[in-house]
Amino acid sequence: MTAQHVSDDLYRRISEIRIERAREVVLYTAEYGVPVVFGRGDVGIKLVKFDSFWREIVSHHGAHELAYIDLRFEDQVVVRWNHDPVEIQTTKAATGKSIKTKKG
């Protein structure tokens, strides 16, 4: 319900929600089934951060390039990209928050 309140596009972007060991929540995107490590708590904030990241970063690079997204950290989105020799790169999102990306 919270995803629908953030945006209808975000709601449609989520294909599946699983509760893993230790009660960790993992979302899977409708496009390419990208795992999104969601963690616990701060649902609204994490969904807004995910929506902003997807619109501002993923829409330019393509979801097929993503290995996973990790939203468990308060001040950054950690991302692992497929097929890139650069190990870690930090960029800024539209939200002004640091986005740490792992490539490789």
PDB file of N, CA and C in Angstrom:
ATOM      1  N   MET A   1       0.822  -1.189   0.000  1.00  0.00           N
ATOM      2  CA  MET A   1       0.000   0.000   0.000  1.00  0.00           C
ATOM      3  C   MET A   1       0.872   1.262   0.000  1.00  0.00           C
ATOM      4  N   THR A   2       1.979   1.204   0.738  1.00  0.00           N
ATOM      5  CA  THR A   2       2.873   2.361   0.802  1.00  0.00           C
ATOM      6  C   THR A   2       3.478   2.653  -0.564  1.00  0.00           C
ATOM      7  N   ALA A   3       3.847   1.626  -1.294  1.00  0.00           N
ATOM      8  CA  ALA A   3       4.412   1.815  -2.640  1.00  0.00           C
ATOM      9  C   ALA A   3       3.414   2.514  -3.554  1.00  0.00           C
ATOM     10  N   GLN A   4       2.146   2.167  -3.466  1.00  0.00           N
ATOM     11  CA  GLN A   4       1.126   2.820  -4.279  1.00  0.00           C
ATOM     12  C   GLN A   4       0.989   4.290  -3.920  1.00  0.00           C
ATOM     13  N   HIS A   5       1.148   4.618  -2.635  1.00  0.00           N
ATOM     14  CA  HIS A   5       1.064   6.015  -2.202  1.00  0.00           C
ATOM     15  C   HIS A   5       2.246   6.829  -2.708  1.00  0.00           C
ATOM     16  N   VAL A   6       3.424   6.190  -2.827  1.00  0.00           N
ATOM     17  CA  VAL A   6       4.606   6.900  -3.336  1.00  0.00           C
ATOM     18  C   VAL A   6       4.415   7.201  -4.805  1.00  0.00           C
ATOM     19  N   SER A   7       4.145   6.176  -5.607  1.00  0.00           N
ATOM     20  CA  SER A   7       3.831   6.380  -7.033  1.00  0.00           C
ATOM     21  C   SER A   7       3.309   5.083  -7.623  1.00  0.00           C
ATOM     22  N   ASP A   8       2.439   5.228  -8.591  1.00  0.00           N
ATOM     23  CA  ASP A   8       1.877   4.054  -9.251  1.00  0.00           C
ATOM     24  C   ASP A   8       2.964   3.303 -10.024  1.00  0.00           C
ATOM     25  N   ASP A   9       3.915   4.043 -10.608  1.00  0.00           N
ATOM     26  CA  ASP A   9       5.033   3.402 -11.317  1.00  0.00           C
ATOM     27  C   ASP A   9       5.868   2.552 -10.368  1.00  0.00           C
ATOM     28  N   LEU A  10       6.139   3.068  -9.162  1.00  0.00           N
ATOM     29  CA  LEU A  10       6.888   2.300  -8.170  1.00  0.00           C
ATOM     30  C   LEU A  10       6.135   1.024  -7.815  1.00  0.00           C
ATOM     31  N   TYR A  11       4.856   1.138  -7.592  1.00  0.00           N
ATOM     32  CA  TYR A  11       4.031  -0.024  -7.250  1.00  0.00           C
ATOM     33  C   TYR A  11       4.134  -1.104  -8.338  1.00  0.00           C
ATOM     34  N   ARG A  12       4.076  -0.692  -9.593  1.00  0.00           N
ATOM     35  CA  ARG A  12       4.169  -1.641 -10.711  1.00  0.00           C
ATOM     36  C   ARG A  12       5.581  -2.171 -10.911  1.00  0.00           C
ATOM     37  N   ARG A  13       6.573  -1.443 -10.442  1.00  0.00           N
ATOM     38  CA  ARG A  13       7.970  -1.845 -10.582  1.00  0.00           C
ATOM     39  C   ARG A  13       8.309  -3.034  -9.678  1.00  0.00           C
ATOM     40  N   ILE A  14       7.536  -3.238  -8.594  1.00  0.00           N
ATOM     41  CA  ILE A  14       7.794  -4.321  -7.644  1.00  0.00           C
ATOM     42  C   ILE A  14       7.016  -5.559  -8.071  1.00  0.00           C
ATOM     43  N   SER A  15       7.763  -6.628  -8.358  1.00  0.00           N
ATOM     44  CA  SER A  15       7.152  -7.866  -8.809  1.00  0.00           C
ATOM     45  C   SER A  15       6.851  -8.808  -7.646  1.00  0.00           C
ATOM     46  N   GLU A  16       7.767  -8.855  -6.686  1.00  0.00           N
ATOM     47  CA  GLU A  16       7.677  -9.860  -5.629  1.00  0.00           C
ATOM     48  C   GLU A  16       8.321  -9.314  -4.359  1.00  0.00           C
ATOM     49  N   ILE A  17       7.806  -9.748  -3.220  1.00  0.00           N
ATOM     50  CA  ILE A  17       8.374  -9.392  -1.926  1.00  0.00           C
ATOM     51  C   ILE A  17       8.593 -10.686  -1.157  1.00  0.00           C
ATOM     52  N   ARG A  18       9.813 -10.884  -0.661  1.00  0.00           N
ATOM     53  CA  ARG A  18      10.134 -12.081   0.123  1.00  0.00           C
ATOM     54  C   ARG A  18      10.715 -11.680   1.467  1.00  0.00           C
ATOM     55  N   ILE A  19      10.424 -12.471   2.473  1.00  0.00           N
ATOM     56  CA  ILE A  19      11.057 -12.301   3.774  1.00  0.00           C
ATOM     57  C   ILE A  19      12.075 -13.423   3.901  1.00  0.00           C
ATOM     58  N   GLU A  20      13.338 -13.022   3.925  1.00  0.00           N
ATOM     59  CA  GLU A  20      14.451 -13.973   3.976  1.00  0.00           C
ATOM     60  C   GLU A  20      14.793 -14.296   5.424  1.00  0.00           C
ATOM     61  N   ARG A  21      15.879 -15.058   5.590  1.00  0.00           N
ATOM     62  CA  ARG A  21      16.372 -15.369   6.935  1.00  0.00           C
ATOM     63  C   ARG A  21      16.573 -14.091   7.732  1.00  0.00           C
ATOM     64  N   ALA A  22      16.453 -14.189   9.032  1.00  0.00           N
ATOM     65  CA  ALA A  22      16.620 -13.044   9.947  1.00  0.00           C
ATOM     66  C   ALA A  22      15.602 -11.942   9.653  1.00  0.00           C
ATOM     67  N   ARG A  23      14.510 -12.305   9.018  1.00  0.00           N
ATOM     68  CA  ARG A  23      13.399 -11.384   8.754  1.00  0.00           C
ATOM     69  C   ARG A  23      13.774 -10.209   7.861  1.00  0.00           C
ATOM     70  N   GLU A  24      14.800 -10.385   7.017  1.00  0.00           N
ATOM     71  CA  GLU A  24      15.197  -9.359   6.050  1.00  0.00           C
ATOM     72  C   GLU A  24      14.226  -9.388   4.869  1.00  0.00           C
ATOM     73  N   VAL A  25      13.778  -8.229   4.444  1.00  0.00           N
ATOM     74  CA  VAL A  25      12.866  -8.117   3.315  1.00  0.00           C
ATOM     75  C   VAL A  25      13.675  -7.886   2.041  1.00  0.00           C
ATOM     76  N   VAL A  26      13.349  -8.651   0.993  1.00  0.00           N
ATOM     77  CA  VAL A  26      13.981  -8.487  -0.318  1.00  0.00           C
ATOM     78  C   VAL A  26      12.862  -8.319  -1.341  1.00  0.00           C
ATOM     79  N   LEU A  27      12.944  -7.230  -2.108  1.00  0.00           N
ATOM     80  CA  LEU A  27      12.002  -6.987  -3.199  1.00  0.00           C
ATOM     81  C   LEU A  27      12.643  -7.459  -4.495  1.00  0.00           C
ATOM     82  N   TYR A  28      11.821  -7.809  -5.472  1.00  0.00           N
ATOM     83  CA  TYR A  28      12.313  -8.137  -6.806  1.00  0.00           C
ATOM     84  C   TYR A  28      11.563  -7.262  -7.797  1.00  0.00           C
ATOM     85  N   THR A  29      12.318  -6.674  -8.721  1.00  0.00           N
ATOM     86  CA  THR A  29      11.693  -5.763  -9.678  1.00  0.00           C
ATOM     87  C   THR A  29      10.982  -6.537 -10.782  1.00  0.00           C
ATOM     88  N   ALA A  30       9.967  -5.922 -11.338  1.00  0.00           N
ATOM     89  CA  ALA A  30       9.238  -6.526 -12.443  1.00  0.00           C
ATOM     90  C   ALA A  30      10.119  -6.589 -13.690  1.00  0.00           C
ATOM     91  N   GLU A  31      10.989  -5.616 -13.830  1.00  0.00           N
ATOM     92  CA  GLU A  31      11.899  -5.560 -14.973  1.00  0.00           C
ATOM     93  C   GLU A  31      13.211  -6.247 -14.613  1.00  0.00           C
ATOM     94  N   TYR A  32      13.489  -7.371 -15.217  1.00  0.00           N
ATOM     95  CA  TYR A  32      14.714  -8.154 -15.038  1.00  0.00           C
ATOM     96  C   TYR A  32      14.866  -8.811 -13.663  1.00  0.00           C
ATOM     97  N   GLY A  33      13.860  -8.755 -12.818  1.00  0.00           N
ATOM     98  CA  GLY A  33      13.913  -9.443 -11.530  1.00  0.00           C
ATOM     99  C   GLY A  33      15.091  -9.057 -10.655  1.00  0.00           C
ATOM    100  N   VAL A  34      15.458  -7.793 -10.664  1.00  0.00           N
ATOM    101  CA  VAL A  34      16.603  -7.310  -9.886  1.00  0.00           C
ATOM    102  C   VAL A  34      16.263  -7.396  -8.399  1.00  0.00           C
ATOM    103  N   PRO A  35      17.100  -8.074  -7.594  1.00  0.00           N
ATOM    104  CA  PRO A  35      16.851  -8.105  -6.156  1.00  0.00           C
ATOM    105  C   PRO A  35      17.157  -6.749  -5.521  1.00  0.00           C
ATOM    106  N   VAL A  36      16.274  -6.330  -4.643  1.00  0.00           N
ATOM    107  CA  VAL A  36      16.431  -5.078  -3.915  1.00  0.00           C
ATOM    108  C   VAL A  36      16.427  -5.440  -2.431  1.00  0.00           C
ATOM    109  N   VAL A  37      17.601  -5.404  -1.810  1.00  0.00           N
ATOM    110  CA  VAL A  37      17.717  -5.729  -0.391  1.00  0.00           C
ATOM    111  C   VAL A  37      17.148  -4.547   0.378  1.00  0.00           C
ATOM    112  N   PHE A  38      16.033  -4.788   1.012  1.00  0.00           N
ATOM    113  CA  PHE A  38      15.254  -3.716   1.628  1.00  0.00           C
ATOM    114  C   PHE A  38      15.521  -3.590   3.123  1.00  0.00           C
ATOM    115  N   GLY A  39      15.871  -4.681   3.754  1.00  0.00           N
ATOM    116  CA  GLY A  39      16.085  -4.642   5.199  1.00  0.00           C
ATOM    117  C   GLY A  39      14.771  -4.542   5.942  1.00  0.00           C
ATOM    118  N   ARG A  40      14.810  -3.873   7.095  1.00  0.00           N
ATOM    119  CA  ARG A  40      13.604  -3.690   7.901  1.00  0.00           C
ATOM    120  C   ARG A  40      13.471  -2.223   8.286  1.00  0.00           C
ATOM    121  N   GLY A  41      12.251  -1.788   8.510  1.00  0.00           N
ATOM    122  CA  GLY A  41      11.979  -0.433   8.969  1.00  0.00           C
ATOM    123  C   GLY A  41      12.093   0.626   7.889  1.00  0.00           C
ATOM    124  N   ASP A  42      11.628   1.829   8.217  1.00  0.00           N
ATOM    125  CA  ASP A  42      11.692   3.006   7.330  1.00  0.00           C
ATOM    126  C   ASP A  42      11.144   2.725   5.939  1.00  0.00           C
ATOM    127  N   VAL A  43      10.025   2.036   5.854  1.00  0.00           N
ATOM    128  CA  VAL A  43       9.466   1.606   4.578  1.00  0.00           C
ATOM    129  C   VAL A  43       9.254   2.769   3.622  1.00  0.00           C
ATOM    130  N   GLY A  44       8.581   3.814   4.071  1.00  0.00           N
ATOM    131  CA  GLY A  44       8.294   4.951   3.199  1.00  0.00           C
ATOM    132  C   GLY A  44       9.540   5.622   2.680  1.00  0.00           C
ATOM    133  N   ILE A  45      10.507   5.857   3.553  1.00  0.00           N
ATOM    134  CA  ILE A  45      11.757   6.516   3.162  1.00  0.00           C
ATOM    135  C   ILE A  45      12.512   5.665   2.139  1.00  0.00           C
ATOM    136  N   LYS A  46      12.593   4.365   2.392  1.00  0.00           N
ATOM    137  CA  LYS A  46      13.313   3.466   1.485  1.00  0.00           C
ATOM    138  C   LYS A  46      12.626   3.385   0.133  1.00  0.00           C
ATOM    139  N   LEU A  47      11.298   3.378   0.114  1.00  0.00           N
ATOM    140  CA  LEU A  47      10.585   3.317  -1.155  1.00  0.00           C
ATOM    141  C   LEU A  47      10.775   4.597  -1.964  1.00  0.00           C
ATOM    142  N   VAL A  48      10.783   5.737  -1.306  1.00  0.00           N
ATOM    143  CA  VAL A  48      11.031   7.009  -2.003  1.00  0.00           C
ATOM    144  C   VAL A  48      12.451   7.020  -2.559  1.00  0.00           C
ATOM    145  N   LYS A  49      13.412   6.564  -1.769  1.00  0.00           N
ATOM    146  CA  LYS A  49      14.815   6.505  -2.207  1.00  0.00           C
ATOM    147  C   LYS A  49      14.954   5.568  -3.415  1.00  0.00           C
ATOM    148  N   PHE A  50      14.313   4.410  -3.347  1.00  0.00           N
ATOM    149  CA  PHE A  50      14.352   3.448  -4.447  1.00  0.00           C
ATOM    150  C   PHE A  50      13.717   4.037  -5.705  1.00  0.00           C
ATOM    151  N   ASP A  51      12.575   4.677  -5.552  1.00  0.00           N
ATOM    152  CA  ASP A  51      11.881   5.280  -6.688  1.00  0.00           C
ATOM    153  C   ASP A  51      12.751   6.359  -7.336  1.00  0.00           C
ATOM    154  N   SER A  52      13.363   7.208  -6.528  1.00  0.00           N
ATOM    155  CA  SER A  52      14.237   8.265  -7.063  1.00  0.00           C
ATOM    156  C   SER A  52      15.440   7.674  -7.769  1.00  0.00           C
ATOM    157  N   PHE A  53      16.075   6.685  -7.159  1.00  0.00           N
ATOM    158  CA  PHE A  53      17.237   6.034  -7.766  1.00  0.00           C
ATOM    159  C   PHE A  53      16.865   5.422  -9.117  1.00  0.00           C
ATOM    160  N   TRP A  54      15.740   4.733  -9.171  1.00  0.00           N
ATOM    161  CA  TRP A  54      15.329   4.070 -10.412  1.00  0.00           C
ATOM    162  C   TRP A  54      15.076   5.098 -11.513  1.00  0.00           C
ATOM    163  N   ARG A  55      14.352   6.157 -11.177  1.00  0.00           N
ATOM    164  CA  ARG A  55      14.023   7.172 -12.185  1.00  0.00           C
ATOM    165  C   ARG A  55      15.258   7.946 -12.648  1.00  0.00           C
ATOM    166  N   GLU A  56      16.159   8.279 -11.735  1.00  0.00           N
ATOM    167  CA  GLU A  56      17.294   9.127 -12.060  1.00  0.00           C
ATOM    168  C   GLU A  56      18.520   8.367 -12.575  1.00  0.00           C
ATOM    169  N   ILE A  57      18.750   7.161 -12.127  1.00  0.00           N
ATOM    170  CA  ILE A  57      19.967   6.430 -12.483  1.00  0.00           C
ATOM    171  C   ILE A  57      19.667   5.239 -13.393  1.00  0.00           C
ATOM    172  N   VAL A  58      18.792   4.361 -12.949  1.00  0.00           N
ATOM    173  CA  VAL A  58      18.535   3.127 -13.702  1.00  0.00           C
ATOM    174  C   VAL A  58      17.901   3.417 -15.057  1.00  0.00           C
ATOM    175  N   SER A  59      17.060   4.405 -15.128  1.00  0.00           N
ATOM    176  CA  SER A  59      16.415   4.722 -16.410  1.00  0.00           C
ATOM    177  C   SER A  59      17.436   5.115 -17.478  1.00  0.00           C
ATOM    178  N   HIS A  60      18.614   5.611 -17.069  1.00  0.00           N
ATOM    179  CA  HIS A  60      19.662   5.988 -18.014  1.00  0.00           C
ATOM    180  C   HIS A  60      20.616   4.843 -18.347  1.00  0.00           C
ATOM    181  N   HIS A  61      20.799   3.918 -17.411  1.00  0.00           N
ATOM    182  CA  HIS A  61      21.746   2.810 -17.613  1.00  0.00           C
ATOM    183  C   HIS A  61      21.066   1.516 -18.024  1.00  0.00           C
ATOM    184  N   GLY A  62      19.818   1.330 -17.644  1.00  0.00           N
ATOM    185  CA  GLY A  62      19.079   0.120 -17.956  1.00  0.00           C
ATOM    186  C   GLY A  62      19.115  -0.892 -16.823  1.00  0.00           C
ATOM    187  N   ALA A  63      17.970  -1.467 -16.523  1.00  0.00           N
ATOM    188  CA  ALA A  63      17.853  -2.439 -15.435  1.00  0.00           C
ATOM    189  C   ALA A  63      18.642  -3.702 -15.725  1.00  0.00           C
ATOM    190  N   HIS A  64      18.864  -4.013 -16.988  1.00  0.00           N
ATOM    191  CA  HIS A  64      19.617  -5.218 -17.342  1.00  0.00           C
ATOM    192  C   HIS A  64      21.060  -5.150 -16.859  1.00  0.00           C
ATOM    193  N   GLU A  65      21.550  -3.963 -16.524  1.00  0.00           N
ATOM    194  CA  GLU A  65      22.915  -3.783 -16.044  1.00  0.00           C
ATOM    195  C   GLU A  65      23.055  -4.006 -14.539  1.00  0.00           C
ATOM    196  N   LEU A  66      21.938  -4.144 -13.824  1.00  0.00           N
ATOM    197  CA  LEU A  66      21.964  -4.258 -12.369  1.00  0.00           C
ATOM    198  C   LEU A  66      22.092  -5.704 -11.896  1.00  0.00           C
ATOM    199  N   ALA A  67      22.969  -5.934 -10.919  1.00  0.00           N
ATOM    200  CA  ALA A  67      23.041  -7.229 -10.243  1.00  0.00           C
ATOM    201  C   ALA A  67      22.142  -7.190  -9.009  1.00  0.00           C
ATOM    202  N   TYR A  68      22.233  -6.099  -8.214  1.00  0.00           N
ATOM    203  CA  TYR A  68      21.342  -5.904  -7.076  1.00  0.00           C
ATOM    204  C   TYR A  68      21.393  -4.456  -6.604  1.00  0.00           C
ATOM    205  N   ILE A  69      20.401  -4.110  -5.787  1.00  0.00           N
ATOM    206  CA  ILE A  69      20.318  -2.804  -5.140  1.00  0.00           C
ATOM    207  C   ILE A  69      20.171  -3.073  -3.648  1.00  0.00           C
ATOM    208  N   ASP A  70      20.876  -2.307  -2.813  1.00  0.00           N
ATOM    209  CA  ASP A  70      20.798  -2.480  -1.362  1.00  0.00           C
ATOM    210  C   ASP A  70      20.363  -1.155  -0.737  1.00  0.00           C
ATOM    211  N   LEU A  71      19.203  -1.162  -0.082  1.00  0.00           N
ATOM    212  CA  LEU A  71      18.632   0.051   0.519  1.00  0.00           C
ATOM    213  C   LEU A  71      18.751   0.073   2.042  1.00  0.00           C
ATOM    214  N   ARG A  72      19.550  -0.802   2.623  1.00  0.00           N
ATOM    215  CA  ARG A  72      19.609  -0.916   4.082  1.00  0.00           C
ATOM    216  C   ARG A  72      20.345   0.233   4.763  1.00  0.00           C
ATOM    217  N   PHE A  73      21.043   1.047   4.027  1.00  0.00           N
ATOM    218  CA  PHE A  73      21.837   2.118   4.620  1.00  0.00           C
ATOM    219  C   PHE A  73      21.082   3.438   4.573  1.00  0.00           C
ATOM    220  N   GLU A  74      21.186   4.209   5.632  1.00  0.00           N
ATOM    221  CA  GLU A  74      20.412   5.441   5.757  1.00  0.00           C
ATOM    222  C   GLU A  74      20.771   6.493   4.716  1.00  0.00           C
ATOM    223  N   ASP A  75      22.065   6.676   4.439  1.00  0.00           N
ATOM    224  CA  ASP A  75      22.494   7.805   3.620  1.00  0.00           C
ATOM    225  C   ASP A  75      23.004   7.427   2.240  1.00  0.00           C
ATOM    226  N   GLN A  76      22.787   6.187   1.810  1.00  0.00           N
ATOM    227  CA  GLN A  76      23.263   5.808   0.479  1.00  0.00           C
ATOM    228  C   GLN A  76      22.497   4.618  -0.070  1.00  0.00           C
ATOM    229  N   VAL A  77      22.540   4.508  -1.371  1.00  0.00           N
ATOM    230  CA  VAL A  77      22.024   3.344  -2.079  1.00  0.00           C
ATOM    231  C   VAL A  77      23.251   2.609  -2.596  1.00  0.00           C
ATOM    232  N   VAL A  78      23.406   1.343  -2.230  1.00  0.00           N
ATOM    233  CA  VAL A  78      24.546   0.554  -2.681  1.00  0.00           C
ATOM    234  C   VAL A  78      24.067  -0.323  -3.827  1.00  0.00           C
ATOM    235  N   VAL A  79      24.832  -0.294  -4.920  1.00  0.00           N
ATOM    236  CA  VAL A  79      24.419  -0.982  -6.145  1.00  0.00           C
ATOM    237  C   VAL A  79      25.573  -1.790  -6.698  1.00  0.00           C
ATOM    238  N   ARG A  80      25.289  -2.974  -7.169  1.00  0.00           N
ATOM    239  CA  ARG A  80      26.292  -3.750  -7.907  1.00  0.00           C
ATOM    240  C   ARG A  80      25.811  -3.833  -9.355  1.00  0.00           C
ATOM    241  N   TRP A  81      26.664  -3.349 -10.255  1.00  0.00           N
ATOM    242  CA  TRP A  81      26.379  -3.373 -11.685  1.00  0.00           C
ATOM    243  C   TRP A  81      27.053  -4.592 -12.305  1.00  0.00           C
ATOM    244  N   ASN A  82      26.498  -5.098 -13.362  1.00  0.00           N
ATOM    245  CA  ASN A  82      27.076  -6.216 -14.107  1.00  0.00           C
ATOM    246  C   ASN A  82      28.107  -5.724 -15.108  1.00  0.00           C
ATOM    247  N   HIS A  83      29.129  -6.521 -15.371  1.00  0.00           N
ATOM    248  CA  HIS A  83      30.044  -6.347 -16.503  1.00  0.00           C
ATOM    249  C   HIS A  83      30.737  -4.995 -16.568  1.00  0.00           C
ATOM    250  N   ASP A  84      31.351  -4.566 -15.485  1.00  0.00           N
ATOM    251  CA  ASP A  84      32.098  -3.323 -15.513  1.00  0.00           C
ATOM    252  C   ASP A  84      33.355  -3.491 -14.669  1.00  0.00           C
ATOM    253  N   PRO A  85      34.521  -3.104 -15.174  1.00  0.00           N
ATOM    254  CA  PRO A  85      35.776  -3.334 -14.456  1.00  0.00           C
ATOM    255  C   PRO A  85      36.006  -2.437 -13.240  1.00  0.00           C
ATOM    256  N   VAL A  86      35.286  -1.352 -13.110  1.00  0.00           N
ATOM    257  CA  VAL A  86      35.475  -0.448 -11.983  1.00  0.00           C
ATOM    258  C   VAL A  86      34.856  -1.083 -10.734  1.00  0.00           C
ATOM    259  N   GLU A  87      35.616  -1.135  -9.626  1.00  0.00           N
ATOM    260  CA  GLU A  87      35.131  -1.825  -8.419  1.00  0.00           C
ATOM    261  C   GLU A  87      34.073  -1.028  -7.670  1.00  0.00           C
ATOM    262  N   ILE A  88      34.395   0.202  -7.258  1.00  0.00           N
ATOM    263  CA  ILE A  88      33.431   1.001  -6.498  1.00  0.00           C
ATOM    264  C   ILE A  88      33.458   2.433  -7.019  1.00  0.00           C
ATOM    265  N   GLN A  89      32.276   2.978  -7.201  1.00  0.00           N
ATOM    266  CA  GLN A  89      32.175   4.362  -7.669  1.00  0.00           C
ATOM    267  C   GLN A  89      31.060   5.035  -6.879  1.00  0.00           C
ATOM    268  N   THR A  90      31.302   6.252  -6.397  1.00  0.00           N
ATOM    269  CA  THR A  90      30.278   6.974  -5.652  1.00  0.00           C
ATOM    270  C   THR A  90      29.748   8.097  -6.525  1.00  0.00           C
ATOM    271  N   THR A  91      28.430   8.186  -6.601  1.00  0.00           N
ATOM    272  CA  THR A  91      27.782   9.238  -7.379  1.00  0.00           C
ATOM    273  C   THR A  91      26.708   9.887  -6.526  1.00  0.00           C
ATOM    274  N   LYS A  92      26.103  10.927  -7.046  1.00  0.00           N
ATOM    275  CA  LYS A  92      25.016  11.596  -6.351  1.00  0.00           C
ATOM    276  C   LYS A  92      23.712  11.346  -7.100  1.00  0.00           C
ATOM    277  N   ALA A  93      22.665  11.106  -6.356  1.00  0.00           N
ATOM    278  CA  ALA A  93      21.333  10.926  -6.939  1.00  0.00           C
ATOM    279  C   ALA A  93      20.593  12.251  -6.907  1.00  0.00           C
ATOM    280  N   ALA A  94      19.418  12.254  -7.467  1.00  0.00           N
ATOM    281  CA  ALA A  94      18.598  13.456  -7.475  1.00  0.00           C
ATOM    282  C   ALA A  94      18.258  13.896  -6.064  1.00  0.00           C
ATOM    283  N   THR A  95      18.275  12.964  -5.122  1.00  0.00           N
ATOM    284  CA  THR A  95      17.941  13.292  -3.740  1.00  0.00           C
ATOM    285  C   THR A  95      19.105  13.983  -3.039  1.00  0.00           C
ATOM    286  N   GLY A  96      20.278  14.031  -3.667  1.00  0.00           N
ATOM    287  CA  GLY A  96      21.442  14.630  -3.048  1.00  0.00           C
ATOM    288  C   GLY A  96      22.158  13.682  -2.111  1.00  0.00           C
ATOM    289  N   LYS A  97      21.702  12.456  -2.030  1.00  0.00           N
ATOM    290  CA  LYS A  97      22.319  11.460  -1.160  1.00  0.00           C
ATOM    291  C   LYS A  97      23.404  10.723  -1.930  1.00  0.00           C
ATOM    292  N   SER A  98      24.358  10.221  -1.214  1.00  0.00           N
ATOM    293  CA  SER A  98      25.450   9.469  -1.817  1.00  0.00           C
ATOM    294  C   SER A  98      24.941   8.118  -2.267  1.00  0.00           C
ATOM    295  N   ILE A  99      25.342   7.707  -3.462  1.00  0.00           N
ATOM    296  CA  ILE A  99      25.013   6.389  -3.967  1.00  0.00           C
ATOM    297  C   ILE A  99      26.313   5.661  -4.216  1.00  0.00           C
ATOM    298  N   LYS A 100      26.543   4.630  -3.485  1.00  0.00           N
ATOM    299  CA  LYS A 100      27.773   3.867  -3.650  1.00  0.00           C
ATOM    300  C   LYS A 100      27.467   2.715  -4.582  1.00  0.00           C
ATOM    301  N   THR A 101      28.216   2.625  -5.658  1.00  0.00           N
ATOM    302  CA  THR A 101      27.978   1.574  -6.626  1.00  0.00           C
ATOM    303  C   THR A 101      29.162   0.647  -6.685  1.00  0.00           C
ATOM    304  N   LYS A 102      28.883  -0.641  -6.662  1.00  0.00           N
ATOM    305  CA  LYS A 102      29.926  -1.644  -6.852  1.00  0.00           C
ATOM    306  C   LYS A 102      29.771  -2.169  -8.250  1.00  0.00           C
ATOM    307  N   LYS A 103      30.838  -2.190  -8.977  1.00  0.00           N
ATOM    308  CA  LYS A 103      30.774  -2.659 -10.357  1.00  0.00           C
ATOM    309  C   LYS A 103      31.669  -3.874 -10.499  1.00  0.00           C
ATOM    310  N   GLY A 104      31.236  -4.786 -11.379  1.00  0.00           N
ATOM    311  CA  GLY A 104      32.102  -5.922 -11.628  1.00  0.00           C
ATOM    312  C   GLY A 104      31.421  -7.204 -11.768  1.00  0.00           C
TER     313      GLY A 104
END
